[in-house]
Amino acid sequence: MLERDLCDFIILGKPEQVHALAKGRAADVSKATIIDPRTARDLDEMVALLTSLRKSKGMTEAKARELLCGDYTWYGTLMMHQNKADGMVSGACHTTADTMRPAMQIIKTAPGIGLVSSAFFMLLPDR
């Protein structure tokens, strides 16, 4: 997708780890924006937003910071909520429940919709 300029690509993670993984797989991530949620410029803003959105459920600033820095699906979901990203790919390192939980708690479903679905796409070496 990066090679064909199909989208603006944002990778959440520690830049040194992202570059090391990319190099090990001969992948060029030079066109991607790499954001480390733990040191992101907007981390305090994201903490305040998550705290506000989930305050009625007991969310504290400390818990929000822990979620955003410890599980990047929360940070990515908030990026979508704020229209900083149009979509997110997750699931290789997270269960479906852990991937869907932030989306269900932050973005939610459209009014009148009570069912959600997910799909897996797998790239296998022999196929």
N, C-alpha and C. Protein backbone atom coordinates (compact mmCIF):
# COMPACT_ATOMS: atom_id res chain seq x y z
N MET A 1 0.81 -1.19 0.00
CA MET A 1 0.00 0.00 0.00
C MET A 1 0.86 1.26 0.00
N LEU A 2 1.96 1.20 0.75
CA LEU A 2 2.86 2.35 0.77
C LEU A 2 3.51 2.57 -0.58
N GLU A 3 3.96 1.50 -1.20
CA GLU A 3 4.63 1.61 -2.50
C GLU A 3 3.73 2.19 -3.57
N ARG A 4 2.44 1.92 -3.47
CA ARG A 4 1.49 2.39 -4.48
C ARG A 4 0.78 3.68 -4.06
N ASP A 5 1.19 4.26 -2.95
CA ASP A 5 0.57 5.50 -2.44
C ASP A 5 -0.95 5.38 -2.35
N LEU A 6 -1.42 4.25 -1.84
CA LEU A 6 -2.85 4.04 -1.71
C LEU A 6 -3.44 4.75 -0.50
N CYS A 7 -2.60 5.08 0.45
CA CYS A 7 -3.09 5.74 1.66
C CYS A 7 -1.93 6.40 2.39
N ASP A 8 -2.29 7.25 3.32
CA ASP A 8 -1.29 7.76 4.26
C ASP A 8 -1.22 6.72 5.37
N PHE A 9 -0.07 6.18 5.58
CA PHE A 9 0.11 5.04 6.47
C PHE A 9 0.68 5.50 7.80
N ILE A 10 0.00 5.19 8.89
CA ILE A 10 0.48 5.51 10.23
C ILE A 10 0.75 4.20 10.95
N ILE A 11 1.92 4.06 11.49
CA ILE A 11 2.28 2.87 12.26
C ILE A 11 2.46 3.30 13.71
N LEU A 12 1.74 2.64 14.61
CA LEU A 12 1.88 2.93 16.03
C LEU A 12 2.89 1.98 16.64
N GLY A 13 3.88 2.53 17.30
CA GLY A 13 4.89 1.70 17.94
C GLY A 13 6.16 2.47 18.19
N LYS A 14 7.10 1.80 18.79
CA LYS A 14 8.41 2.41 19.04
C LYS A 14 9.16 2.47 17.71
N PRO A 15 9.59 3.66 17.29
CA PRO A 15 10.23 3.79 15.98
C PRO A 15 11.39 2.83 15.76
N GLU A 16 12.23 2.65 16.75
CA GLU A 16 13.38 1.76 16.57
C GLU A 16 12.93 0.32 16.33
N GLN A 17 11.86 -0.11 16.99
CA GLN A 17 11.34 -1.46 16.77
C GLN A 17 10.68 -1.59 15.40
N VAL A 18 9.93 -0.56 15.01
CA VAL A 18 9.27 -0.58 13.70
C VAL A 18 10.32 -0.68 12.59
N HIS A 19 11.36 0.15 12.68
CA HIS A 19 12.41 0.12 11.66
C HIS A 19 13.16 -1.21 11.65
N ALA A 20 13.43 -1.77 12.82
CA ALA A 20 14.13 -3.05 12.89
C ALA A 20 13.28 -4.17 12.28
N LEU A 21 11.98 -4.19 12.61
CA LEU A 21 11.10 -5.21 12.03
C LEU A 21 10.98 -5.04 10.52
N ALA A 22 10.86 -3.81 10.07
CA ALA A 22 10.76 -3.56 8.63
C ALA A 22 12.03 -4.00 7.91
N LYS A 23 13.17 -3.66 8.48
CA LYS A 23 14.44 -4.04 7.86
C LYS A 23 14.56 -5.55 7.77
N GLY A 24 14.16 -6.25 8.83
CA GLY A 24 14.22 -7.71 8.85
C GLY A 24 13.32 -8.36 7.82
N ARG A 25 12.32 -7.64 7.37
CA ARG A 25 11.39 -8.17 6.38
C ARG A 25 11.56 -7.49 5.01
N ALA A 26 12.62 -6.72 4.87
CA ALA A 26 12.90 -5.98 3.63
C ALA A 26 11.72 -5.11 3.22
N ALA A 27 11.08 -4.50 4.21
CA ALA A 27 9.94 -3.62 3.96
C ALA A 27 10.39 -2.17 4.08
N ASP A 28 9.95 -1.36 3.17
CA ASP A 28 10.28 0.06 3.18
C ASP A 28 9.14 0.83 3.86
N VAL A 29 9.42 1.39 5.03
CA VAL A 29 8.41 2.17 5.76
C VAL A 29 8.75 3.65 5.75
N SER A 30 9.61 4.06 4.83
CA SER A 30 10.06 5.46 4.81
C SER A 30 8.92 6.44 4.54
N LYS A 31 7.87 6.00 3.86
CA LYS A 31 6.73 6.89 3.59
C LYS A 31 5.70 6.88 4.72
N ALA A 32 5.88 6.00 5.68
CA ALA A 32 4.92 5.90 6.79
C ALA A 32 5.23 6.92 7.87
N THR A 33 4.19 7.33 8.57
CA THR A 33 4.35 8.14 9.77
C THR A 33 4.37 7.16 10.94
N ILE A 34 5.40 7.22 11.75
CA ILE A 34 5.51 6.33 12.90
C ILE A 34 5.26 7.15 14.16
N ILE A 35 4.29 6.74 14.94
CA ILE A 35 3.93 7.44 16.18
C ILE A 35 4.08 6.48 17.34
N ASP A 36 4.84 6.89 18.31
CA ASP A 36 4.95 6.14 19.56
C ASP A 36 3.95 6.77 20.53
N PRO A 37 2.83 6.10 20.81
CA PRO A 37 1.83 6.69 21.69
C PRO A 37 2.38 7.13 23.05
N ARG A 38 3.41 6.44 23.52
CA ARG A 38 3.98 6.78 24.84
C ARG A 38 4.63 8.15 24.86
N THR A 39 5.09 8.63 23.70
CA THR A 39 5.78 9.92 23.64
C THR A 39 5.12 10.87 22.64
N ALA A 40 3.92 10.55 22.21
CA ALA A 40 3.23 11.36 21.21
C ALA A 40 2.95 12.77 21.72
N ARG A 41 3.04 13.74 20.80
CA ARG A 41 2.77 15.14 21.16
C ARG A 41 1.36 15.33 21.70
N ASP A 42 0.41 14.53 21.21
CA ASP A 42 -0.97 14.71 21.63
C ASP A 42 -1.40 13.73 22.73
N LEU A 43 -0.45 13.11 23.41
CA LEU A 43 -0.80 12.12 24.43
C LEU A 43 -1.67 12.73 25.52
N ASP A 44 -1.31 13.89 26.03
CA ASP A 44 -2.12 14.50 27.10
C ASP A 44 -3.54 14.79 26.61
N GLU A 45 -3.66 15.24 25.36
CA GLU A 45 -4.98 15.49 24.77
C GLU A 45 -5.78 14.19 24.68
N MET A 46 -5.11 13.11 24.27
CA MET A 46 -5.78 11.81 24.15
C MET A 46 -6.20 11.29 25.53
N VAL A 47 -5.35 11.48 26.52
CA VAL A 47 -5.68 11.07 27.89
C VAL A 47 -6.93 11.81 28.36
N ALA A 48 -6.96 13.12 28.15
CA ALA A 48 -8.11 13.92 28.57
C ALA A 48 -9.38 13.48 27.84
N LEU A 49 -9.26 13.20 26.54
CA LEU A 49 -10.42 12.78 25.76
C LEU A 49 -10.95 11.44 26.24
N LEU A 50 -10.08 10.47 26.41
CA LEU A 50 -10.52 9.15 26.86
C LEU A 50 -11.13 9.24 28.25
N THR A 51 -10.52 10.03 29.12
CA THR A 51 -11.06 10.21 30.47
C THR A 51 -12.47 10.80 30.39
N SER A 52 -12.65 11.78 29.55
CA SER A 52 -13.96 12.42 29.39
C SER A 52 -15.00 11.46 28.81
N LEU A 53 -14.61 10.73 27.77
CA LEU A 53 -15.54 9.81 27.11
C LEU A 53 -15.98 8.67 28.02
N ARG A 54 -15.11 8.23 28.90
CA ARG A 54 -15.40 7.06 29.74
C ARG A 54 -15.53 7.40 31.22
N LYS A 55 -15.68 8.68 31.53
CA LYS A 55 -15.75 9.12 32.93
C LYS A 55 -16.91 8.45 33.67
N SER A 56 -18.06 8.31 33.01
CA SER A 56 -19.22 7.70 33.66
C SER A 56 -18.99 6.24 34.00
N LYS A 57 -17.99 5.63 33.40
CA LYS A 57 -17.63 4.23 33.67
C LYS A 57 -16.44 4.13 34.61
N GLY A 58 -16.05 5.28 35.20
CA GLY A 58 -14.97 5.26 36.19
C GLY A 58 -13.57 5.47 35.64
N MET A 59 -13.46 5.93 34.40
CA MET A 59 -12.14 6.15 33.80
C MET A 59 -11.44 7.30 34.50
N THR A 60 -10.21 7.05 34.90
CA THR A 60 -9.37 8.08 35.50
C THR A 60 -8.27 8.45 34.51
N GLU A 61 -7.61 9.57 34.76
CA GLU A 61 -6.50 9.96 33.88
C GLU A 61 -5.39 8.92 33.92
N ALA A 62 -5.13 8.38 35.10
CA ALA A 62 -4.07 7.38 35.23
C ALA A 62 -4.40 6.12 34.42
N LYS A 63 -5.65 5.66 34.51
CA LYS A 63 -6.06 4.47 33.76
C LYS A 63 -6.05 4.75 32.25
N ALA A 64 -6.51 5.94 31.86
CA ALA A 64 -6.51 6.31 30.44
C ALA A 64 -5.09 6.31 29.89
N ARG A 65 -4.16 6.89 30.63
CA ARG A 65 -2.76 6.93 30.19
C ARG A 65 -2.20 5.51 30.08
N GLU A 66 -2.53 4.67 31.04
CA GLU A 66 -2.07 3.27 31.03
C GLU A 66 -2.60 2.54 29.79
N LEU A 67 -3.88 2.72 29.47
CA LEU A 67 -4.46 2.07 28.29
C LEU A 67 -3.83 2.58 27.00
N LEU A 68 -3.69 3.90 26.88
CA LEU A 68 -3.18 4.49 25.65
C LEU A 68 -1.71 4.16 25.41
N CYS A 69 -0.95 4.04 26.47
CA CYS A 69 0.48 3.75 26.33
C CYS A 69 0.78 2.25 26.30
N GLY A 70 -0.14 1.46 26.83
CA GLY A 70 0.11 0.04 26.94
C GLY A 70 -0.53 -0.81 25.86
N ASP A 71 -1.62 -0.32 25.28
CA ASP A 71 -2.34 -1.06 24.25
C ASP A 71 -2.68 -0.09 23.13
N TYR A 72 -1.94 -0.16 22.05
CA TYR A 72 -2.05 0.85 21.00
C TYR A 72 -3.39 0.82 20.27
N THR A 73 -4.21 -0.22 20.47
CA THR A 73 -5.54 -0.21 19.86
C THR A 73 -6.38 0.93 20.44
N TRP A 74 -6.16 1.27 21.69
CA TRP A 74 -6.89 2.39 22.30
C TRP A 74 -6.49 3.70 21.64
N TYR A 75 -5.20 3.91 21.46
CA TYR A 75 -4.71 5.13 20.83
C TYR A 75 -5.21 5.21 19.38
N GLY A 76 -5.11 4.12 18.65
CA GLY A 76 -5.58 4.10 17.27
C GLY A 76 -7.07 4.36 17.16
N THR A 77 -7.84 3.80 18.07
CA THR A 77 -9.28 4.03 18.07
C THR A 77 -9.61 5.49 18.33
N LEU A 78 -8.89 6.11 19.26
CA LEU A 78 -9.10 7.54 19.51
C LEU A 78 -8.70 8.37 18.29
N MET A 79 -7.67 7.94 17.57
CA MET A 79 -7.29 8.65 16.34
C MET A 79 -8.45 8.62 15.34
N MET A 80 -9.10 7.47 15.22
CA MET A 80 -10.25 7.39 14.33
C MET A 80 -11.40 8.25 14.85
N HIS A 81 -11.63 8.22 16.14
CA HIS A 81 -12.71 9.02 16.74
C HIS A 81 -12.52 10.50 16.45
N GLN A 82 -11.27 10.94 16.39
CA GLN A 82 -10.95 12.35 16.13
C GLN A 82 -10.70 12.64 14.65
N ASN A 83 -10.97 11.67 13.80
CA ASN A 83 -10.74 11.81 12.35
C ASN A 83 -9.28 12.08 12.01
N LYS A 84 -8.37 11.58 12.83
CA LYS A 84 -6.94 11.65 12.53
C LYS A 84 -6.52 10.43 11.72
N ALA A 85 -7.40 9.43 11.66
CA ALA A 85 -7.18 8.22 10.87
C ALA A 85 -8.54 7.73 10.39
N ASP A 86 -8.57 7.13 9.22
CA ASP A 86 -9.83 6.64 8.66
C ASP A 86 -10.12 5.19 9.00
N GLY A 87 -9.11 4.45 9.39
CA GLY A 87 -9.30 3.05 9.69
C GLY A 87 -8.11 2.51 10.45
N MET A 88 -8.21 1.25 10.84
CA MET A 88 -7.14 0.66 11.65
C MET A 88 -7.07 -0.83 11.33
N VAL A 89 -5.86 -1.33 11.26
CA VAL A 89 -5.64 -2.77 11.11
C VAL A 89 -5.09 -3.27 12.43
N SER A 90 -5.71 -4.29 12.97
CA SER A 90 -5.30 -4.82 14.26
C SER A 90 -5.70 -6.28 14.31
N GLY A 91 -5.17 -6.99 15.26
CA GLY A 91 -5.60 -8.36 15.45
C GLY A 91 -4.49 -9.39 15.39
N ALA A 92 -3.37 -9.07 14.76
CA ALA A 92 -2.29 -10.04 14.69
C ALA A 92 -1.73 -10.33 16.08
N CYS A 93 -1.71 -9.32 16.91
CA CYS A 93 -1.17 -9.46 18.27
C CYS A 93 -2.25 -9.26 19.33
N HIS A 94 -3.48 -9.10 18.91
CA HIS A 94 -4.58 -8.84 19.83
C HIS A 94 -5.74 -9.79 19.51
N THR A 95 -6.46 -10.19 20.53
CA THR A 95 -7.66 -10.99 20.30
C THR A 95 -8.73 -10.10 19.66
N THR A 96 -9.73 -10.73 19.09
CA THR A 96 -10.84 -9.96 18.53
C THR A 96 -11.48 -9.10 19.61
N ALA A 97 -11.67 -9.65 20.79
CA ALA A 97 -12.27 -8.89 21.89
C ALA A 97 -11.43 -7.67 22.24
N ASP A 98 -10.12 -7.85 22.31
CA ASP A 98 -9.24 -6.72 22.65
C ASP A 98 -9.18 -5.68 21.53
N THR A 99 -9.41 -6.11 20.31
CA THR A 99 -9.44 -5.18 19.18
C THR A 99 -10.77 -4.42 19.15
N MET A 100 -11.86 -5.12 19.42
CA MET A 100 -13.19 -4.51 19.32
C MET A 100 -13.57 -3.67 20.55
N ARG A 101 -13.04 -4.02 21.71
CA ARG A 101 -13.43 -3.32 22.94
C ARG A 101 -13.27 -1.81 22.85
N PRO A 102 -12.11 -1.29 22.45
CA PRO A 102 -11.99 0.17 22.36
C PRO A 102 -12.99 0.77 21.36
N ALA A 103 -13.18 0.09 20.24
CA ALA A 103 -14.12 0.61 19.23
C ALA A 103 -15.54 0.64 19.77
N MET A 104 -15.94 -0.39 20.47
CA MET A 104 -17.29 -0.44 21.02
C MET A 104 -17.49 0.58 22.14
N GLN A 105 -16.45 0.86 22.88
CA GLN A 105 -16.57 1.79 24.00
C GLN A 105 -16.39 3.25 23.58
N ILE A 106 -15.68 3.50 22.50
CA ILE A 106 -15.40 4.88 22.08
C ILE A 106 -16.24 5.27 20.87
N ILE A 107 -16.17 4.50 19.80
CA ILE A 107 -16.88 4.84 18.57
C ILE A 107 -18.33 4.36 18.63
N LYS A 108 -18.54 3.19 19.16
CA LYS A 108 -19.86 2.57 19.33
C LYS A 108 -20.46 2.21 17.98
N THR A 109 -21.68 1.72 18.02
CA THR A 109 -22.39 1.38 16.79
C THR A 109 -23.33 2.52 16.42
N ALA A 110 -23.81 2.50 15.19
CA ALA A 110 -24.80 3.49 14.77
C ALA A 110 -26.10 3.25 15.54
N PRO A 111 -26.89 4.28 15.74
CA PRO A 111 -28.17 4.11 16.45
C PRO A 111 -29.01 3.00 15.80
N GLY A 112 -29.55 2.14 16.63
CA GLY A 112 -30.37 1.05 16.14
C GLY A 112 -29.61 -0.19 15.73
N ILE A 113 -28.30 -0.13 15.76
CA ILE A 113 -27.47 -1.28 15.38
C ILE A 113 -26.90 -1.89 16.65
N GLY A 114 -27.15 -3.16 16.86
CA GLY A 114 -26.67 -3.82 18.07
C GLY A 114 -25.72 -4.96 17.81
N LEU A 115 -25.39 -5.19 16.56
CA LEU A 115 -24.53 -6.31 16.19
C LEU A 115 -23.33 -5.81 15.41
N VAL A 116 -22.17 -6.33 15.74
CA VAL A 116 -20.96 -5.99 14.98
C VAL A 116 -20.32 -7.28 14.49
N SER A 117 -19.45 -7.15 13.53
CA SER A 117 -18.79 -8.31 12.95
C SER A 117 -17.34 -7.98 12.68
N SER A 118 -16.53 -8.99 12.57
CA SER A 118 -15.12 -8.79 12.23
C SER A 118 -14.71 -9.86 11.23
N ALA A 119 -13.57 -9.65 10.61
CA ALA A 119 -13.05 -10.61 9.65
C ALA A 119 -11.54 -10.69 9.79
N PHE A 120 -10.99 -11.83 9.46
CA PHE A 120 -9.54 -12.02 9.47
C PHE A 120 -9.07 -12.23 8.04
N PHE A 121 -7.98 -11.58 7.69
CA PHE A 121 -7.30 -11.83 6.43
C PHE A 121 -5.91 -12.32 6.79
N MET A 122 -5.56 -13.48 6.28
CA MET A 122 -4.26 -14.05 6.62
C MET A 122 -3.44 -14.26 5.36
N LEU A 123 -2.19 -13.88 5.44
CA LEU A 123 -1.25 -14.11 4.35
C LEU A 123 -0.35 -15.27 4.78
N LEU A 124 -0.45 -16.36 4.06
CA LEU A 124 0.31 -17.55 4.39
C LEU A 124 1.44 -17.73 3.39
N PRO A 125 2.59 -18.24 3.83
CA PRO A 125 3.75 -18.35 2.94
C PRO A 125 3.49 -19.18 1.69
N ASP A 126 2.65 -20.20 1.78
CA ASP A 126 2.45 -21.09 0.65
C ASP A 126 1.21 -20.75 -0.19
N ARG A 127 0.56 -19.62 0.11
CA ARG A 127 -0.66 -19.24 -0.64
C ARG A 127 -0.66 -17.78 -0.96
